[in-house]
Amino acid sequence: MAWVVFLRAVNVGGTNRCQPAMIARELAKFGVVNIGAVGTFVVREDVSESALRAAIAKKLPFKCEIMICPGRDIIKLYSKDPFSHEPPVRLGPSGPNIVRFVSVLAKRPAIRFDLPQTFTASPARTWLVKIIAIQDRFVLGLYRRQMKAISYLGKIEKRLGVPVTTRNWNTIQKVATILKSERIPA
């Protein structure tokens, strides 16, 4: 079975520094493919989740949450095209001003709430983060490209009561493309 690994709070703000590319090379026996600098990996070889978790934890010089999902869950999420009902992303002077994201939960949340759920800087202001869906262990949403929005992404974890790590939708697309193109058994 193929796996997708998400490390929480790696290489953010100068803390929990590591080299994901080197971790992928050191775990080559598992067919690990590194996606970017924040700890996202596709694991192509058949390995148990517990063995994979232990091997990755051993390579990290610090403790962190390690979220591991079956590859089939990522393909299923990607195939549903969860952002198809959202308006197209408009381009601002420095790129898209609204970012599509997926937060991966350590486990399914016990809390339910009405969607969409928004986080604003004050009642008079427009939303900074909007949660549009929760599918199994994935929270899907949008955030405005503003510094305050990052702190509001952290509130997702507090609201749901489980550890969360967030990735841009583009990262999920890359992972799904790798899983599908290599015909990795999910």
C-alpha atoms as a PDB file:
ATOM      1  CA  MET A   1       0.000   0.000   0.000  1.00  0.00           C
ATOM      2  CA  ALA A   2       1.208   3.499  -0.822  1.00  0.00           C
ATOM      3  CA  TRP A   3       1.276   6.075   1.987  1.00  0.00           C
ATOM      4  CA  VAL A   4       1.417   9.840   2.174  1.00  0.00           C
ATOM      5  CA  VAL A   5       3.238  11.375   5.137  1.00  0.00           C
ATOM      6  CA  PHE A   6       2.729  14.905   6.463  1.00  0.00           C
ATOM      7  CA  LEU A   7       5.045  16.274   9.153  1.00  0.00           C
ATOM      8  CA  ARG A   8       3.598  19.003  11.379  1.00  0.00           C
ATOM      9  CA  ALA A   9       5.416  22.316  12.006  1.00  0.00           C
ATOM     10  CA  VAL A  10       8.624  21.476  10.134  1.00  0.00           C
ATOM     11  CA  ASN A  11      10.892  24.226   8.750  1.00  0.00           C
ATOM     12  CA  VAL A  12       8.455  26.961   9.764  1.00  0.00           C
ATOM     13  CA  GLY A  13       9.765  30.178  11.279  1.00  0.00           C
ATOM     14  CA  GLY A  14      13.258  28.853  11.881  1.00  0.00           C
ATOM     15  CA  THR A  15      12.198  26.039  14.233  1.00  0.00           C
ATOM     16  CA  ASN A  16      12.093  22.265  13.817  1.00  0.00           C
ATOM     17  CA  ARG A  17      14.662  22.414  11.053  1.00  0.00           C
ATOM     18  CA  CYS A  18      15.333  19.331   8.966  1.00  0.00           C
ATOM     19  CA  GLN A  19      16.144  18.369   5.396  1.00  0.00           C
ATOM     20  CA  PRO A  20      13.204  16.447   3.911  1.00  0.00           C
ATOM     21  CA  ALA A  21      15.186  15.623   0.744  1.00  0.00           C
ATOM     22  CA  MET A  22      17.876  13.938   2.853  1.00  0.00           C
ATOM     23  CA  ILE A  23      15.237  12.041   4.861  1.00  0.00           C
ATOM     24  CA  ALA A  24      13.782  10.764   1.567  1.00  0.00           C
ATOM     25  CA  ARG A  25      17.248   9.613   0.412  1.00  0.00           C
ATOM     26  CA  GLU A  26      17.922   7.900   3.745  1.00  0.00           C
ATOM     27  CA  LEU A  27      14.587   6.068   3.500  1.00  0.00           C
ATOM     28  CA  ALA A  28      15.067   5.030  -0.139  1.00  0.00           C
ATOM     29  CA  LYS A  29      14.295   1.397   0.755  1.00  0.00           C
ATOM     30  CA  PHE A  30      10.672   2.526   1.257  1.00  0.00           C
ATOM     31  CA  GLY A  31      10.577   4.343  -2.100  1.00  0.00           C
ATOM     32  CA  VAL A  32      10.105   7.725  -0.393  1.00  0.00           C
ATOM     33  CA  VAL A  33       9.547  10.740  -2.666  1.00  0.00           C
ATOM     34  CA  ASN A  34       9.973  14.173  -1.084  1.00  0.00           C
ATOM     35  CA  ILE A  35       7.461  16.891  -2.004  1.00  0.00           C
ATOM     36  CA  GLY A  36       8.803  20.323  -1.021  1.00  0.00           C
ATOM     37  CA  ALA A  37      10.528  21.598   2.108  1.00  0.00           C
ATOM     38  CA  VAL A  38       7.911  21.248   4.845  1.00  0.00           C
ATOM     39  CA  GLY A  39       7.809  17.477   5.260  1.00  0.00           C
ATOM     40  CA  THR A  40       5.433  15.931   2.744  1.00  0.00           C
ATOM     41  CA  PHE A  41       6.354  12.507   1.371  1.00  0.00           C
ATOM     42  CA  VAL A  42       4.893   9.847  -0.910  1.00  0.00           C
ATOM     43  CA  VAL A  43       5.910   6.342   0.144  1.00  0.00           C
ATOM     44  CA  ARG A  44       5.785   3.919  -2.783  1.00  0.00           C
ATOM     45  CA  GLU A  45       6.858   0.635  -1.197  1.00  0.00           C
ATOM     46  CA  ASP A  46       4.659  -1.672   0.837  1.00  0.00           C
ATOM     47  CA  VAL A  47       5.527  -1.017   4.484  1.00  0.00           C
ATOM     48  CA  SER A  48       3.426  -1.040   7.632  1.00  0.00           C
ATOM     49  CA  GLU A  49       2.270   2.296   8.991  1.00  0.00           C
ATOM     50  CA  SER A  50       3.968   1.652  12.342  1.00  0.00           C
ATOM     51  CA  ALA A  51       7.320   0.764  10.724  1.00  0.00           C
ATOM     52  CA  LEU A  52       7.110   3.854   8.530  1.00  0.00           C
ATOM     53  CA  ARG A  53       6.265   6.116  11.483  1.00  0.00           C
ATOM     54  CA  ALA A  54       9.184   4.722  13.510  1.00  0.00           C
ATOM     55  CA  ALA A  55      11.649   5.085  10.622  1.00  0.00           C
ATOM     56  CA  ILE A  56      10.686   8.720   9.991  1.00  0.00           C
ATOM     57  CA  ALA A  57      10.696   9.628  13.691  1.00  0.00           C
ATOM     58  CA  LYS A  58      14.208   8.172  13.969  1.00  0.00           C
ATOM     59  CA  LYS A  59      15.439  10.529  11.218  1.00  0.00           C
ATOM     60  CA  LEU A  60      14.076  13.687  12.866  1.00  0.00           C
ATOM     61  CA  PRO A  61      16.255  15.595  15.377  1.00  0.00           C
ATOM     62  CA  PHE A  62      13.090  16.724  17.229  1.00  0.00           C
ATOM     63  CA  LYS A  63       9.643  15.370  18.127  1.00  0.00           C
ATOM     64  CA  CYS A  64       6.744  16.255  15.856  1.00  0.00           C
ATOM     65  CA  GLU A  65       3.344  14.971  14.848  1.00  0.00           C
ATOM     66  CA  ILE A  66       3.536  12.589  11.904  1.00  0.00           C
ATOM     67  CA  MET A  67       0.273  12.253   9.983  1.00  0.00           C
ATOM     68  CA  ILE A  68       0.185   9.197   7.697  1.00  0.00           C
ATOM     69  CA  CYS A  69      -2.654   8.630   5.223  1.00  0.00           C
ATOM     70  CA  PRO A  70      -3.239   5.808   2.755  1.00  0.00           C
ATOM     71  CA  GLY A  71      -2.491   6.990  -0.784  1.00  0.00           C
ATOM     72  CA  ARG A  72      -6.011   5.994  -1.831  1.00  0.00           C
ATOM     73  CA  ASP A  73      -7.435   8.625   0.574  1.00  0.00           C
ATOM     74  CA  ILE A  74      -5.480  11.384  -1.185  1.00  0.00           C
ATOM     75  CA  ILE A  75      -6.534  10.134  -4.629  1.00  0.00           C
ATOM     76  CA  LYS A  76     -10.160  10.013  -3.471  1.00  0.00           C
ATOM     77  CA  LEU A  77      -9.962  13.558  -2.049  1.00  0.00           C
ATOM     78  CA  TYR A  78      -8.344  14.880  -5.235  1.00  0.00           C
ATOM     79  CA  SER A  79     -10.819  13.076  -7.509  1.00  0.00           C
ATOM     80  CA  LYS A  80     -13.813  14.678  -5.763  1.00  0.00           C
ATOM     81  CA  ASP A  81     -12.545  18.127  -6.868  1.00  0.00           C
ATOM     82  CA  PRO A  82     -13.657  19.747  -3.584  1.00  0.00           C
ATOM     83  CA  PHE A  83     -13.028  23.302  -4.773  1.00  0.00           C
ATOM     84  CA  SER A  84     -15.134  23.037  -7.939  1.00  0.00           C
ATOM     85  CA  HIS A  85     -17.994  25.011  -6.351  1.00  0.00           C
ATOM     86  CA  GLU A  86     -15.748  27.855  -5.226  1.00  0.00           C
ATOM     87  CA  PRO A  87     -15.256  30.943  -7.395  1.00  0.00           C
ATOM     88  CA  PRO A  88     -12.047  30.962  -9.439  1.00  0.00           C
ATOM     89  CA  VAL A  89      -8.989  32.296  -7.630  1.00  0.00           C
ATOM     90  CA  ARG A  90      -8.356  35.905  -8.680  1.00  0.00           C
ATOM     91  CA  LEU A  91      -4.845  37.114  -9.271  1.00  0.00           C
ATOM     92  CA  GLY A  92      -3.567  40.079  -7.286  1.00  0.00           C
ATOM     93  CA  PRO A  93      -0.362  42.036  -7.967  1.00  0.00           C
ATOM     94  CA  SER A  94       1.790  39.326  -6.348  1.00  0.00           C
ATOM     95  CA  GLY A  95      -0.175  36.231  -7.361  1.00  0.00           C
ATOM     96  CA  PRO A  96      -3.399  34.659  -6.147  1.00  0.00           C
ATOM     97  CA  ASN A  97      -4.908  36.594  -3.251  1.00  0.00           C
ATOM     98  CA  ILE A  98      -6.939  33.580  -2.077  1.00  0.00           C
ATOM     99  CA  VAL A  99      -5.218  30.260  -1.380  1.00  0.00           C
ATOM    100  CA  ARG A 100      -6.919  26.856  -1.362  1.00  0.00           C
ATOM    101  CA  PHE A 101      -5.694  24.620   1.440  1.00  0.00           C
ATOM    102  CA  VAL A 102      -6.098  21.205   3.014  1.00  0.00           C
ATOM    103  CA  SER A 103      -5.463  20.629   6.700  1.00  0.00           C
ATOM    104  CA  VAL A 104      -4.644  17.015   7.521  1.00  0.00           C
ATOM    105  CA  LEU A 105      -5.879  15.896  10.933  1.00  0.00           C
ATOM    106  CA  ALA A 106      -4.094  13.390  13.160  1.00  0.00           C
ATOM    107  CA  LYS A 107      -7.463  11.636  13.502  1.00  0.00           C
ATOM    108  CA  ARG A 108     -11.111  12.274  12.685  1.00  0.00           C
ATOM    109  CA  PRO A 109     -12.550  15.119  14.746  1.00  0.00           C
ATOM    110  CA  ALA A 110     -15.213  14.390  17.355  1.00  0.00           C
ATOM    111  CA  ILE A 111     -16.632  17.903  16.987  1.00  0.00           C
ATOM    112  CA  ARG A 112     -19.128  18.838  14.282  1.00  0.00           C
ATOM    113  CA  PHE A 113     -20.129  22.340  13.265  1.00  0.00           C
ATOM    114  CA  ASP A 114     -22.005  24.068  10.481  1.00  0.00           C
ATOM    115  CA  LEU A 115     -20.076  24.870   7.320  1.00  0.00           C
ATOM    116  CA  PRO A 116     -18.820  27.120   5.939  1.00  0.00           C
ATOM    117  CA  GLN A 117     -17.022  28.264   9.076  1.00  0.00           C
ATOM    118  CA  THR A 118     -15.173  31.577   8.842  1.00  0.00           C
ATOM    119  CA  PHE A 119     -12.496  33.293  10.890  1.00  0.00           C
ATOM    120  CA  THR A 120     -12.278  37.088  10.719  1.00  0.00           C
ATOM    121  CA  ALA A 121      -9.959  39.661  12.268  1.00  0.00           C
ATOM    122  CA  SER A 122     -12.952  41.610  13.604  1.00  0.00           C
ATOM    123  CA  PRO A 123     -16.733  41.458  13.060  1.00  0.00           C
ATOM    124  CA  ALA A 124     -16.607  44.293  10.525  1.00  0.00           C
ATOM    125  CA  ARG A 125     -13.884  42.734   8.379  1.00  0.00           C
ATOM    126  CA  THR A 126     -14.166  40.151   5.654  1.00  0.00           C
ATOM    127  CA  TRP A 127     -13.137  36.556   6.351  1.00  0.00           C
ATOM    128  CA  LEU A 128      -9.456  35.613   6.439  1.00  0.00           C
ATOM    129  CA  VAL A 129      -9.944  31.835   6.639  1.00  0.00           C
ATOM    130  CA  LYS A 130     -13.002  29.931   5.460  1.00  0.00           C
ATOM    131  CA  ILE A 131     -13.532  26.201   6.053  1.00  0.00           C
ATOM    132  CA  ILE A 132     -15.743  24.850   3.264  1.00  0.00           C
ATOM    133  CA  ALA A 133     -15.742  21.110   4.021  1.00  0.00           C
ATOM    134  CA  ILE A 134     -14.523  18.389   6.346  1.00  0.00           C
ATOM    135  CA  GLN A 135     -14.026  15.009   4.683  1.00  0.00           C
ATOM    136  CA  ASP A 136     -12.773  12.269   6.998  1.00  0.00           C
ATOM    137  CA  ARG A 137      -9.365  13.534   8.205  1.00  0.00           C
ATOM    138  CA  PHE A 138      -9.205  16.467   5.805  1.00  0.00           C
ATOM    139  CA  VAL A 139     -10.353  20.051   6.363  1.00  0.00           C
ATOM    140  CA  LEU A 140     -10.722  21.966   3.116  1.00  0.00           C
ATOM    141  CA  GLY A 141     -10.759  25.712   2.957  1.00  0.00           C
ATOM    142  CA  LEU A 142      -9.580  29.030   1.639  1.00  0.00           C
ATOM    143  CA  TYR A 143      -7.463  31.755   3.175  1.00  0.00           C
ATOM    144  CA  ARG A 144      -6.629  35.265   2.097  1.00  0.00           C
ATOM    145  CA  ARG A 145      -2.960  35.920   1.491  1.00  0.00           C
ATOM    146  CA  GLN A 146      -2.438  38.124   4.568  1.00  0.00           C
ATOM    147  CA  MET A 147      -0.107  37.669   7.524  1.00  0.00           C
ATOM    148  CA  LYS A 148      -2.953  37.441  10.053  1.00  0.00           C
ATOM    149  CA  ALA A 149      -4.517  34.551   8.127  1.00  0.00           C
ATOM    150  CA  ILE A 150      -1.673  32.233   9.175  1.00  0.00           C
ATOM    151  CA  SER A 151      -2.534  32.663  12.866  1.00  0.00           C
ATOM    152  CA  TYR A 152      -6.175  31.889  12.067  1.00  0.00           C
ATOM    153  CA  LEU A 153      -5.150  28.621  10.399  1.00  0.00           C
ATOM    154  CA  GLY A 154      -3.845  27.585  13.834  1.00  0.00           C
ATOM    155  CA  LYS A 155      -7.326  28.075  15.251  1.00  0.00           C
ATOM    156  CA  ILE A 156      -8.572  25.137  13.179  1.00  0.00           C
ATOM    157  CA  GLU A 157      -6.610  22.820  15.453  1.00  0.00           C
ATOM    158  CA  LYS A 158      -8.066  24.429  18.581  1.00  0.00           C
ATOM    159  CA  ARG A 159     -11.607  24.327  17.185  1.00  0.00           C
ATOM    160  CA  LEU A 160     -11.391  20.627  16.244  1.00  0.00           C
ATOM    161  CA  GLY A 161      -9.343  19.464  19.228  1.00  0.00           C
ATOM    162  CA  VAL A 162      -6.846  17.369  17.249  1.00  0.00           C
ATOM    163  CA  PRO A 163      -3.361  18.074  15.854  1.00  0.00           C
ATOM    164  CA  VAL A 164      -3.452  19.529  12.327  1.00  0.00           C
ATOM    165  CA  THR A 165      -0.940  20.294   9.599  1.00  0.00           C
ATOM    166  CA  THR A 166      -1.859  22.416   6.588  1.00  0.00           C
ATOM    167  CA  ARG A 167      -0.775  22.202   2.948  1.00  0.00           C
ATOM    168  CA  ASN A 168      -1.600  24.214  -0.153  1.00  0.00           C
ATOM    169  CA  TRP A 169      -4.016  22.433  -2.516  1.00  0.00           C
ATOM    170  CA  ASN A 170      -1.213  22.499  -5.125  1.00  0.00           C
ATOM    171  CA  THR A 171       0.791  20.133  -2.898  1.00  0.00           C
ATOM    172  CA  ILE A 172      -2.131  17.700  -2.713  1.00  0.00           C
ATOM    173  CA  GLN A 173      -2.411  17.853  -6.504  1.00  0.00           C
ATOM    174  CA  LYS A 174       1.309  16.984  -6.845  1.00  0.00           C
ATOM    175  CA  VAL A 175       0.938  14.060  -4.446  1.00  0.00           C
ATOM    176  CA  ALA A 176      -2.121  12.727  -6.302  1.00  0.00           C
ATOM    177  CA  THR A 177      -0.337  13.086  -9.646  1.00  0.00           C
ATOM    178  CA  ILE A 178       2.620  11.046  -8.367  1.00  0.00           C
ATOM    179  CA  LEU A 179       0.341   8.358  -6.947  1.00  0.00           C
ATOM    180  CA  LYS A 180      -1.709   8.117 -10.142  1.00  0.00           C
ATOM    181  CA  SER A 181       1.127   8.419 -12.682  1.00  0.00           C
ATOM    182  CA  GLU A 182       3.164   5.650 -11.165  1.00  0.00           C
ATOM    183  CA  ARG A 183       0.078   3.469 -10.789  1.00  0.00           C
ATOM    184  CA  ILE A 184       1.016   2.865  -7.201  1.00  0.00           C
ATOM    185  CA  PRO A 185      -1.432   0.439  -5.624  1.00  0.00           C
ATOM    186  CA  ALA A 186      -3.409   2.527  -3.192  1.00  0.00           C
END
